[in-house]
Protein backbone atom coordinates (compact mmCIF):
# COMPACT_ATOMS: atom_id res chain seq x y z
CA MET A 1 0.00 0.00 0.00
CA SER A 2 1.30 3.53 0.57
CA ASP A 3 4.17 4.60 2.79
CA THR A 4 1.63 5.73 5.36
CA ALA A 5 1.11 2.06 6.11
CA VAL A 6 4.65 1.76 7.50
CA LYS A 7 6.03 2.88 10.86
CA ALA A 8 9.58 3.24 12.08
CA PRO A 9 11.10 0.15 13.68
CA GLY A 10 11.27 0.01 17.47
CA VAL A 11 8.44 2.53 17.98
CA PRO A 12 5.12 1.08 19.19
CA ASP A 13 2.33 1.96 16.79
CA ALA A 14 -0.09 4.45 18.36
CA GLY A 15 -3.03 2.86 16.53
CA ARG A 16 -2.23 -0.72 17.52
CA TRP A 17 -5.23 -1.13 19.86
CA LYS A 18 -7.62 0.18 17.20
CA ALA A 19 -5.97 -2.22 14.76
CA LEU A 20 -6.60 -5.09 17.21
CA VAL A 21 -10.37 -4.45 16.99
CA PHE A 22 -10.37 -4.98 13.22
CA ILE A 23 -7.95 -7.92 13.33
CA ALA A 24 -10.14 -9.58 16.00
CA LEU A 25 -13.27 -8.91 13.92
CA ALA A 26 -11.71 -10.61 10.89
CA GLN A 27 -10.58 -13.58 13.02
CA LEU A 28 -14.09 -13.90 14.47
CA MET A 29 -15.53 -14.01 10.94
CA VAL A 30 -13.19 -16.82 9.87
CA VAL A 31 -13.80 -18.87 13.02
CA LEU A 32 -17.57 -18.30 12.90
CA ASP A 33 -17.65 -19.52 9.32
CA ALA A 34 -16.16 -22.87 10.35
CA THR A 35 -19.26 -23.78 12.41
CA ILE A 36 -22.06 -21.49 11.21
CA VAL A 37 -22.37 -23.37 7.90
CA ASN A 38 -22.75 -26.74 9.68
CA ILE A 39 -26.04 -25.63 11.23
CA ALA A 40 -27.33 -24.32 7.88
CA LEU A 41 -26.25 -27.42 5.93
CA PRO A 42 -29.49 -29.45 6.13
CA SER A 43 -31.59 -26.51 4.84
CA ALA A 44 -29.09 -25.61 2.10
CA GLN A 45 -28.91 -29.26 1.00
CA GLN A 46 -32.68 -29.44 0.60
CA ASP A 47 -32.95 -26.10 -1.27
CA LEU A 48 -30.12 -26.79 -3.71
CA GLY A 49 -30.87 -30.47 -4.25
CA ILE A 50 -27.46 -31.64 -2.99
CA SER A 51 -27.27 -35.43 -2.59
CA ASP A 52 -26.26 -37.04 0.72
CA GLY A 53 -23.09 -38.32 -0.96
CA ASN A 54 -22.08 -34.82 -2.10
CA ARG A 55 -23.19 -32.96 1.04
CA GLN A 56 -19.75 -33.27 2.69
CA TRP A 57 -18.22 -31.11 -0.09
CA VAL A 58 -19.81 -28.00 1.41
CA VAL A 59 -17.40 -28.47 4.33
CA THR A 60 -14.60 -30.33 2.49
CA ALA A 61 -14.17 -27.77 -0.35
CA TYR A 62 -13.44 -25.07 2.25
CA ALA A 63 -11.19 -27.28 4.37
CA LEU A 64 -9.06 -28.41 1.40
CA ALA A 65 -8.50 -24.91 0.02
CA PHE A 66 -7.90 -23.36 3.45
CA GLY A 67 -5.65 -26.12 4.83
CA GLY A 68 -3.74 -26.61 1.59
CA LEU A 69 -2.93 -22.95 0.96
CA LEU A 70 -2.17 -21.68 4.49
CA LEU A 71 1.62 -21.87 4.18
CA PHE A 72 1.46 -20.15 0.80
CA GLY A 73 -0.83 -17.49 2.32
CA GLY A 74 1.64 -16.91 5.16
CA ARG A 75 4.52 -16.49 2.71
CA ILE A 76 2.46 -14.08 0.55
CA ALA A 77 1.85 -11.99 3.71
CA ASP A 78 5.61 -11.81 4.34
CA LEU A 79 6.24 -10.92 0.67
CA TRP A 80 3.40 -8.47 -0.13
CA GLY A 81 3.10 -6.97 3.33
CA ARG A 82 0.65 -8.17 5.97
CA LYS A 83 -1.72 -5.19 5.75
CA ARG A 84 -2.19 -5.57 1.99
CA THR A 85 -2.66 -9.35 2.26
CA PHE A 86 -5.13 -8.88 5.12
CA VAL A 87 -7.30 -6.39 3.19
CA VAL A 88 -7.21 -8.47 -0.03
CA GLY A 89 -8.14 -11.57 1.97
CA LEU A 90 -11.11 -9.79 3.56
CA ALA A 91 -12.36 -8.42 0.23
CA GLY A 92 -12.10 -11.84 -1.42
CA PHE A 93 -13.80 -13.56 1.52
CA ALA A 94 -16.72 -11.12 1.26
CA VAL A 95 -17.15 -11.77 -2.49
CA ALA A 96 -16.96 -15.56 -1.96
CA SER A 97 -19.55 -15.32 0.85
CA ALA A 98 -21.90 -13.33 -1.41
CA LEU A 99 -21.59 -16.06 -4.06
CA GLY A 100 -22.34 -18.75 -1.46
CA GLY A 101 -25.43 -16.90 -0.22
CA ALA A 102 -26.68 -16.45 -3.80
CA ALA A 103 -25.91 -20.07 -4.83
CA THR A 104 -28.51 -21.61 -7.14
CA ASN A 105 -26.97 -25.08 -7.50
CA GLU A 106 -24.43 -27.37 -5.83
CA ALA A 107 -21.55 -26.43 -8.18
CA MET A 108 -21.93 -22.73 -7.27
CA MET A 109 -22.08 -23.63 -3.58
CA PHE A 110 -18.96 -25.84 -3.68
CA GLY A 111 -17.07 -23.25 -5.76
CA SER A 112 -17.91 -20.42 -3.34
CA ARG A 113 -16.79 -22.52 -0.36
CA ALA A 114 -13.45 -23.31 -2.05
CA LEU A 115 -13.04 -19.60 -2.82
CA GLN A 116 -13.74 -18.75 0.84
CA GLY A 117 -10.98 -21.21 1.76
CA VAL A 118 -8.51 -19.58 -0.65
CA PHE A 119 -9.05 -16.08 0.77
CA GLY A 120 -9.24 -17.42 4.33
CA ALA A 121 -5.75 -18.86 3.79
CA LEU A 122 -4.53 -15.33 2.96
CA LEU A 123 -6.44 -13.71 5.80
CA ALA A 124 -5.73 -15.97 8.82
CA PRO A 125 -1.89 -15.92 8.80
CA ALA A 126 -1.85 -12.19 7.93
CA ALA A 127 -4.05 -11.44 10.98
CA LEU A 128 -1.90 -13.39 13.44
CA SER A 129 1.41 -12.10 12.04
CA LEU A 130 0.13 -8.49 12.23
CA LEU A 131 -0.38 -9.01 15.97
CA ALA A 132 3.10 -10.53 16.21
CA VAL A 133 4.85 -7.52 14.67
CA MET A 134 2.60 -4.77 16.17
CA PHE A 135 2.49 -5.88 19.83
CA THR A 136 6.04 -6.22 21.10
CA ASP A 137 5.80 -5.20 24.77
CA ALA A 138 5.33 -8.34 26.93
CA LYS A 139 2.31 -7.07 28.92
CA GLU A 140 0.58 -5.54 25.89
CA ARG A 141 1.25 -8.68 23.89
CA ALA A 142 -0.34 -10.79 26.63
CA LYS A 143 -3.53 -8.67 26.51
CA ALA A 144 -3.69 -8.66 22.69
CA PHE A 145 -3.17 -12.41 22.40
CA GLY A 146 -5.62 -13.00 25.26
CA ILE A 147 -8.35 -11.34 23.21
CA TYR A 148 -7.24 -13.12 20.03
CA GLY A 149 -7.05 -16.50 21.81
CA ALA A 150 -10.56 -16.09 23.26
CA ILE A 151 -11.95 -15.41 19.79
CA ALA A 152 -9.98 -18.25 18.20
CA GLY A 153 -11.30 -20.69 20.82
CA GLY A 154 -14.82 -19.39 21.51
CA GLY A 155 -15.78 -18.13 18.06
CA GLY A 156 -16.76 -21.60 16.89
CA ALA A 157 -19.36 -21.91 19.63
CA VAL A 158 -20.66 -18.39 18.87
CA GLY A 159 -21.07 -19.62 15.28
CA LEU A 160 -23.44 -22.33 16.53
CA ILE A 161 -25.66 -19.72 18.22
CA LEU A 162 -25.62 -17.30 15.29
CA GLY A 163 -26.10 -20.13 12.78
CA GLY A 164 -29.10 -21.39 14.77
CA PHE A 165 -30.71 -17.93 14.87
CA LEU A 166 -30.16 -17.18 11.19
CA THR A 167 -31.33 -20.62 10.00
CA GLU A 168 -34.37 -20.77 12.29
CA TYR A 169 -35.64 -17.18 11.93
CA LEU A 170 -34.34 -15.99 8.53
CA ASN A 171 -32.84 -18.32 5.93
CA TRP A 172 -29.71 -20.48 5.51
CA ARG A 173 -28.41 -17.96 2.93
CA TRP A 174 -27.86 -15.43 5.74
CA THR A 175 -25.17 -17.67 7.25
CA PHE A 176 -23.13 -16.58 4.20
CA PHE A 177 -24.38 -13.00 3.82
CA VAL A 178 -23.56 -12.22 7.49
CA ASN A 179 -19.84 -12.36 6.59
CA ILE A 180 -20.12 -9.36 4.25
CA PRO A 181 -20.60 -6.59 6.88
CA PHE A 182 -17.87 -8.21 9.05
CA ALA A 183 -15.44 -8.18 6.11
CA VAL A 184 -16.29 -4.64 4.93
CA VAL A 185 -15.91 -3.08 8.39
CA ALA A 186 -12.68 -5.00 9.14
CA ALA A 187 -11.14 -4.15 5.73
CA ALA A 188 -12.03 -0.45 5.93
CA GLY A 189 -10.74 -0.21 9.51
CA ALA A 190 -7.54 -2.10 8.71
CA TYR A 191 -6.84 0.10 5.68
CA LEU A 192 -7.14 3.24 7.80
CA VAL A 193 -5.38 2.29 11.07
CA ILE A 194 -2.86 -0.54 10.50
CA ARG A 195 0.76 0.53 10.04
CA GLU A 196 3.39 -2.19 9.68
CA PRO A 197 6.93 -1.90 11.07
CA GLN A 198 9.62 -1.10 8.51
CA GLY A 199 11.90 -3.88 7.35
CA SER A 200 9.54 -6.70 8.32
CA ARG A 201 8.90 -7.98 4.79
CA ASN A 202 10.61 -10.98 3.22
CA ARG A 203 11.23 -9.97 -0.40
CA SER A 204 13.09 -13.17 -1.35
CA PRO A 205 11.89 -14.91 -4.54
CA LEU A 206 8.91 -17.24 -4.10
CA ASP A 207 9.80 -20.92 -3.59
CA ILE A 208 7.53 -22.39 -6.32
CA PRO A 209 8.49 -26.10 -5.79
CA GLY A 210 7.82 -25.61 -2.05
CA VAL A 211 4.41 -24.03 -2.77
CA ILE A 212 3.39 -26.93 -5.06
CA LEU A 213 4.65 -29.72 -2.78
CA SER A 214 3.22 -28.24 0.46
CA THR A 215 -0.17 -27.45 -1.09
CA LEU A 216 -0.59 -30.88 -2.69
CA GLY A 217 0.74 -32.65 0.43
CA LEU A 218 -1.61 -30.83 2.82
CA VAL A 219 -4.62 -31.20 0.48
CA ALA A 220 -3.95 -34.96 0.23
CA LEU A 221 -3.62 -35.23 4.03
CA VAL A 222 -6.83 -33.30 4.81
CA TYR A 223 -8.77 -35.15 2.06
CA GLY A 224 -7.46 -38.50 3.29
CA PHE A 225 -8.90 -37.90 6.77
CA THR A 226 -12.14 -36.47 5.34
CA ARG A 227 -12.60 -39.49 3.09
CA ALA A 228 -11.73 -41.93 5.88
CA GLU A 229 -14.75 -40.63 7.78
CA SER A 230 -17.19 -41.57 4.99
CA GLU A 231 -15.46 -44.43 3.14
CA GLY A 232 -13.43 -46.10 5.89
CA TRP A 233 -9.72 -46.31 6.70
CA SER A 234 -9.02 -49.27 4.41
CA ASP A 235 -10.54 -47.62 1.31
CA ALA A 236 -7.97 -47.67 -1.54
CA VAL A 237 -8.28 -43.94 -2.28
CA THR A 238 -7.98 -43.07 1.45
CA VAL A 239 -4.78 -45.14 1.80
CA GLY A 240 -3.47 -43.67 -1.47
CA MET A 241 -4.06 -40.13 -0.17
CA PHE A 242 -2.13 -40.83 3.05
CA VAL A 243 0.79 -42.42 1.17
CA GLY A 244 0.82 -39.59 -1.39
CA SER A 245 0.69 -36.99 1.38
CA ALA A 246 3.63 -38.59 3.22
CA VAL A 247 5.73 -38.67 0.02
CA LEU A 248 4.87 -35.08 -0.95
CA LEU A 249 5.50 -33.64 2.54
CA LEU A 250 8.80 -35.54 2.87
CA ALA A 251 9.85 -34.14 -0.53
CA PHE A 252 8.77 -30.69 0.71
CA VAL A 253 11.05 -30.95 3.78
CA LEU A 254 14.00 -32.08 1.60
CA VAL A 255 13.43 -29.18 -0.83
CA GLU A 256 13.13 -26.64 2.01
CA ALA A 257 16.44 -27.81 3.47
CA ARG A 258 18.21 -27.10 0.16
CA VAL A 259 16.66 -24.03 -1.50
CA LYS A 260 18.04 -20.56 -0.86
CA SER A 261 14.69 -18.89 -0.03
CA PRO A 262 12.40 -21.63 1.36
CA LEU A 263 8.63 -21.26 1.66
CA LEU A 264 8.90 -22.60 5.23
CA PRO A 265 12.38 -22.02 6.70
CA LEU A 266 13.02 -25.14 8.78
CA ARG A 267 14.36 -22.89 11.58
CA VAL A 268 10.72 -21.93 12.24
CA ILE A 269 9.54 -25.47 13.08
CA THR A 270 12.73 -27.05 14.42
CA GLU A 271 12.97 -24.52 17.25
CA ARG A 272 11.98 -26.51 20.32
CA ASN A 273 9.25 -24.24 21.70
CA ARG A 274 7.46 -23.64 18.43
CA GLY A 275 7.62 -27.32 17.48
CA GLY A 276 6.07 -28.24 20.84
CA ILE A 277 3.33 -25.64 20.40
CA TYR A 278 2.37 -26.71 16.87
CA LEU A 279 2.16 -30.34 18.03
CA SER A 280 0.25 -29.74 21.28
CA LEU A 281 -2.18 -27.27 19.64
CA GLY A 282 -2.89 -29.70 16.81
CA LEU A 283 -3.65 -32.48 19.31
CA ALA A 284 -5.89 -30.22 21.42
CA ILE A 285 -7.86 -29.23 18.32
CA ILE A 286 -8.34 -32.93 17.42
CA ALA A 287 -10.05 -33.40 20.80
CA MET A 288 -12.05 -30.20 20.62
CA PHE A 289 -13.42 -30.42 17.07
CA GLY A 290 -14.65 -33.96 17.69
CA LEU A 291 -16.37 -32.85 20.88
CA PHE A 292 -18.15 -29.90 19.19
CA LEU A 293 -19.61 -32.34 16.68
CA PHE A 294 -20.71 -34.94 19.24
CA LEU A 295 -22.27 -32.42 21.63
CA THR A 296 -24.19 -30.78 18.76
CA TYR A 297 -25.59 -34.20 17.72
CA TYR A 298 -26.26 -35.20 21.32
CA LEU A 299 -28.19 -32.02 22.14
CA GLN A 300 -30.23 -31.98 18.91
CA ILE A 301 -30.86 -35.69 18.25
CA VAL A 302 -30.85 -37.25 21.73
CA LYS A 303 -32.14 -34.31 23.82
CA GLY A 304 -34.30 -32.78 21.05
CA TYR A 305 -32.93 -29.21 21.35
CA THR A 306 -33.62 -26.68 18.57
CA PRO A 307 -30.59 -25.20 16.72
CA VAL A 308 -30.90 -21.96 18.75
CA LYS A 309 -31.20 -23.78 22.08
CA THR A 310 -28.19 -25.94 21.11
CA GLY A 311 -26.16 -22.79 20.44
CA PHE A 312 -27.08 -21.33 23.84
CA ALA A 313 -26.20 -24.62 25.53
CA PHE A 314 -22.57 -23.96 24.47
CA LEU A 315 -22.47 -20.59 26.30
CA PRO A 316 -20.67 -21.97 29.41
CA MET A 317 -17.83 -23.15 27.14
CA ILE A 318 -17.58 -19.69 25.55
CA ALA A 319 -17.64 -18.01 28.98
CA GLY A 320 -14.92 -20.39 30.19
CA MET A 321 -12.74 -19.69 27.15
CA ILE A 322 -13.06 -15.92 27.47
CA THR A 323 -12.26 -16.10 31.20
CA GLY A 324 -9.33 -18.49 30.71
CA SER A 325 -7.85 -16.47 27.89
CA THR A 326 -8.42 -12.83 28.89
CA GLN A 327 -8.27 -13.18 32.69
CA ILE A 328 -6.17 -16.19 33.73
CA GLY A 329 -3.86 -16.39 30.68
CA THR A 330 -3.35 -12.65 30.26
CA ARG A 331 -2.72 -11.99 33.97
CA LEU A 332 -0.27 -14.87 34.42
CA MET A 333 1.46 -14.74 31.01
CA THR A 334 4.10 -12.22 32.14
CA ARG A 335 4.57 -13.90 35.56
CA VAL A 336 5.02 -17.61 34.80
CA ALA A 337 6.58 -19.70 32.04
CA PRO A 338 4.16 -20.53 29.17
CA ARG A 339 4.35 -24.29 29.82
CA LEU A 340 2.91 -23.69 33.33
CA LEU A 341 -0.21 -22.27 31.67
CA MET A 342 -0.42 -24.65 28.70
CA GLY A 343 0.15 -27.96 30.54
CA PRO A 344 -2.33 -27.34 33.41
CA GLY A 345 -4.74 -25.71 30.91
CA PHE A 346 -4.91 -28.85 28.78
CA LEU A 347 -5.29 -30.99 31.94
CA VAL A 348 -8.24 -28.86 33.19
CA ALA A 349 -9.80 -29.25 29.72
CA ALA A 350 -9.23 -33.03 29.98
CA LEU A 351 -11.02 -32.99 33.35
CA GLY A 352 -13.99 -31.27 31.69
CA MET A 353 -13.95 -33.94 28.96
CA LEU A 354 -13.80 -36.63 31.65
CA LEU A 355 -17.07 -35.31 33.13
CA LEU A 356 -18.67 -35.56 29.67
CA THR A 357 -17.86 -39.29 29.46
CA ARG A 358 -20.75 -39.70 31.96
CA LEU A 359 -23.32 -38.71 29.32
CA GLU A 360 -26.46 -40.85 29.12
CA VAL A 361 -29.77 -40.43 27.28
CA ASP A 362 -31.40 -38.71 30.27
CA THR A 363 -28.33 -36.84 31.63
CA SER A 364 -29.06 -33.54 33.38
CA TYR A 365 -27.62 -30.50 31.60
CA ALA A 366 -26.93 -28.67 34.88
CA ALA A 367 -25.25 -31.63 36.60
CA VAL A 368 -22.90 -32.86 33.84
CA LEU A 369 -22.89 -30.78 30.66
CA LEU A 370 -22.62 -27.34 32.25
CA PRO A 371 -19.62 -28.03 34.55
CA GLY A 372 -17.95 -30.19 31.88
CA MET A 373 -18.15 -27.45 29.23
CA LEU A 374 -17.14 -24.74 31.71
CA LEU A 375 -13.97 -26.65 32.68
CA LEU A 376 -13.22 -27.44 29.04
CA GLY A 377 -13.54 -23.77 28.09
CA LEU A 378 -11.45 -22.55 31.04
CA GLY A 379 -8.66 -25.02 30.28
CA MET A 380 -8.58 -24.41 26.54
CA GLY A 381 -8.72 -20.62 26.93
CA THR A 382 -5.85 -20.65 29.44
CA ALA A 383 -3.72 -22.90 27.19
CA PHE A 384 -4.53 -21.30 23.81
CA MET A 385 -3.52 -17.78 24.80
CA PRO A 386 0.19 -18.37 25.62
CA ALA A 387 0.42 -20.90 22.76
CA MET A 388 -0.74 -18.33 20.17
CA SER A 389 1.66 -15.73 21.55
CA LEU A 390 4.73 -17.96 21.93
CA ALA A 391 4.29 -19.47 18.45
CA THR A 392 5.22 -16.10 16.94
CA MET A 393 7.40 -14.62 19.72
CA GLY A 394 11.09 -14.20 18.98
CA VAL A 395 10.58 -15.21 15.35
CA GLU A 396 12.36 -13.03 12.79
CA PRO A 397 9.90 -10.45 11.39
CA ARG A 398 10.47 -11.81 7.86
CA ASP A 399 9.24 -15.24 9.07
CA ALA A 400 6.19 -13.98 11.01
CA GLY A 401 3.75 -14.89 8.23
CA VAL A 402 4.83 -18.50 7.83
CA ALA A 403 5.17 -18.98 11.61
CA SER A 404 1.56 -17.76 11.95
CA ALA A 405 0.48 -19.98 9.06
CA MET A 406 1.91 -23.01 10.87
CA VAL A 407 -0.35 -22.26 13.87
CA ASN A 408 -3.37 -22.21 11.55
CA THR A 409 -2.15 -25.31 9.67
CA SER A 410 -1.77 -27.34 12.88
CA GLN A 411 -5.32 -26.31 13.85
CA GLN A 412 -6.79 -27.05 10.40
CA VAL A 413 -5.12 -30.45 10.08
CA GLY A 414 -6.03 -31.20 13.71
CA GLY A 415 -9.67 -30.38 12.97
CA ALA A 416 -9.75 -32.71 9.94
CA ILE A 417 -8.09 -35.53 11.90
CA GLY A 418 -10.34 -35.01 14.93
CA THR A 419 -13.58 -35.11 12.95
CA ALA A 420 -12.58 -38.24 11.01
CA LEU A 421 -10.82 -40.19 13.77
CA LEU A 422 -13.31 -39.58 16.58
CA ASN A 423 -16.31 -40.07 14.26
CA THR A 424 -14.94 -43.47 13.24
CA ILE A 425 -14.47 -44.48 16.89
CA ALA A 426 -18.00 -43.27 17.75
CA ALA A 427 -19.63 -45.04 14.78
CA SER A 428 -17.89 -48.33 15.61
CA ALA A 429 -18.96 -48.19 19.30
CA THR A 430 -22.54 -47.29 18.33
CA THR A 431 -22.83 -50.20 15.85
CA SER A 432 -21.39 -52.63 18.39
CA TYR A 433 -23.80 -51.48 21.15
CA ILE A 434 -26.90 -51.64 18.93
CA THR A 435 -25.94 -55.11 17.59
CA ASP A 436 -25.57 -56.42 21.17
CA HIS A 437 -28.78 -54.90 22.57
CA ILE A 438 -31.36 -54.61 19.78
CA GLY A 439 -32.41 -58.26 20.14
CA GLY A 440 -34.00 -57.60 23.54
CA ALA A 441 -36.03 -54.61 22.27
CA THR A 442 -39.48 -55.83 21.26
CA SER A 443 -41.49 -52.61 20.78
CA PRO A 444 -40.67 -49.66 18.46
CA ALA A 445 -40.19 -47.43 21.54
CA GLN A 446 -37.65 -49.85 23.01
CA GLN A 447 -35.82 -50.10 19.68
CA ARG A 448 -35.71 -46.30 19.46
CA LEU A 449 -34.28 -46.17 23.00
CA VAL A 450 -31.57 -48.72 22.13
CA GLN A 451 -30.59 -46.66 19.08
CA LEU A 452 -30.33 -43.50 21.18
CA GLU A 453 -28.33 -45.35 23.85
CA GLY A 454 -26.07 -46.68 21.10
CA GLN A 455 -25.43 -43.15 19.81
CA VAL A 456 -24.58 -41.90 23.31
CA GLN A 457 -22.32 -44.93 23.83
CA GLY A 458 -20.50 -43.93 20.62
CA TYR A 459 -20.10 -40.32 21.75
CA THR A 460 -18.72 -41.27 25.18
CA SER A 461 -16.29 -43.82 23.69
CA ALA A 462 -14.89 -41.12 21.42
CA ILE A 463 -14.76 -38.60 24.28
CA TRP A 464 -12.61 -41.06 26.29
CA PHE A 465 -10.09 -40.95 23.42
CA ALA A 466 -10.30 -37.14 23.42
CA VAL A 467 -9.41 -37.15 27.16
CA GLY A 468 -6.30 -39.20 26.40
CA ILE A 469 -5.33 -36.90 23.51
CA LEU A 470 -5.55 -33.83 25.79
CA VAL A 471 -3.35 -35.53 28.41
CA VAL A 472 -0.75 -36.20 25.68
CA ALA A 473 -1.01 -32.53 24.57
CA ALA A 474 -0.34 -31.46 28.17
CA ALA A 475 2.68 -33.78 28.40
CA ILE A 476 4.12 -32.38 25.13
CA ALA A 477 3.59 -28.77 26.30
CA LEU A 478 5.28 -29.46 29.65
CA THR A 479 8.19 -31.35 28.05
CA PHE A 480 8.98 -29.41 24.87
CA VAL A 481 8.04 -25.84 25.74
CA ASN A 482 10.91 -24.62 27.91
CA ALA A 483 10.78 -20.87 27.28
CA GLY A 484 10.79 -18.61 30.31
CA ARG A 485 8.20 -15.94 30.95
CA PRO A 486 8.15 -13.13 28.32
CA GLY A 487 10.49 -10.28 29.21
CA GLY A 488 12.14 -12.49 31.82
CA ALA A 489 13.99 -15.69 30.95
CA ALA A 490 14.36 -17.26 27.64
CA VAL A 491 12.53 -17.58 24.45
CA THR A 492 14.53 -18.69 21.47
CA GLY A 493 14.55 -16.98 18.13
CA SER A 494 14.04 -18.45 14.71
CA GLY A 495 17.59 -19.10 13.92
CA SER A 496 19.31 -15.74 14.30
CA ASP A 497 19.88 -13.04 16.88
CA ASP A 498 17.03 -10.95 15.45
CA VAL A 499 13.98 -10.35 17.56
CA VAL A 500 10.67 -8.75 16.76
CA GLU A 501 11.17 -4.98 16.62
CA GLY A 502 10.65 -3.29 19.95
CA GLU A 503 10.86 -6.52 21.94
CA LEU A 504 13.59 -6.87 24.53
CA PRO A 505 16.29 -9.28 23.37
CA VAL A 506 16.08 -12.51 25.32
CA PRO A 507 18.80 -15.05 26.03
CA VAL A 508 18.62 -18.43 24.29
CA VAL A 509 17.69 -21.48 26.32
CA ALA A 510 20.11 -24.40 26.20
CA HIS A 511 18.46 -27.24 24.31
């Protein structure tokens, strides 16, 4: 953009808090979109005549484009400038949302969702890397990432409420159109108030082989898990996708180690703290995405809640996330080491999950669901906030985009794995339960009860796995993440002595 979009290095930007409002608004839009469409899907399917077999493409088209292009989007942000990438991403997302809302057939719907994914892959890393280079003081950074972490964690549940309202009282098309005012306000605000630090761009030539290999490898990985959910893990195409993904991503790593200007400098992911964060965040998202899905089904199918009532039932989780992120995480971030927030945070979330393994057909919301979701939200909010901040702290400014993209990639891949893996576990447990118990059900009412009990048995079996996954995430965070508190002891850089402008240099931890 113009030179007015640049500020001198080392000087905190006076408009950074205004900028945070628009960055947070854009992040909320992206996160909302991930869940808001799920609620509208049955109505959209009926209106557009989408078959049951093709229905998954409304979600899959977005996931493949978004997950596959995130690293490329992060590199574009470093090359073009984060402000420009952010505004272009918002404008494109608004156009794609308008196309989705106006869709007249399934091809138009699938195309608009893929287009949303493409512009989302520009937008998400640009938003996070803007925070990384604009908020450099430890206390301010804690507050900014607290707000961002609360939105990243709680926005999905807000999407369920908003999606329920729009679908029930207006029309499914409004779940797309609602993005347009979000995008317009965020883009206009960002254009006017965001000013990037000087010298934070990476103007090296684009690593085309890296772009092709990473995009194809990630698309194959996400599609493999998506297909496993519907076709099974032994399906030839599913296995082929996993093998192809492994080959492509291995080739990507080998290329990145040799090229002069890599798409993903290996220093970004081989640094101990960041590697631990990407891994633990990805695992936590596996657990969380699966749970969102099961609780939505449980509340609507087993308990008979309306879409709006289902959305409101998630409010304790949102409240817990906001409290954990903006109160506990933000207040303690500058006082204790990040691992002492992340590890216990994931364990508190696991405790909440453990409560939810007690679900039965007639379980009381107040006795089990409410405390379980509150603990889950508190734990996740407390853990997410330092993870988001540390993933981009100490990274060279020229790598901020790809470091941010890796956070989004670990979440996106984690979401795809979680949905497929936990759904498979749930479906297997449900089938087994119904097969064992249906013989004793003589009346239609008894058979219906056995089917409901079988579904709940499936959900709780999968939730037990989610508990174990969160415990592993906590162990990884406590073991790998060894950075000291920001502004105090150590946080390592991304392979050089550079630090984010304005941030106090910090000594390197011995590995």
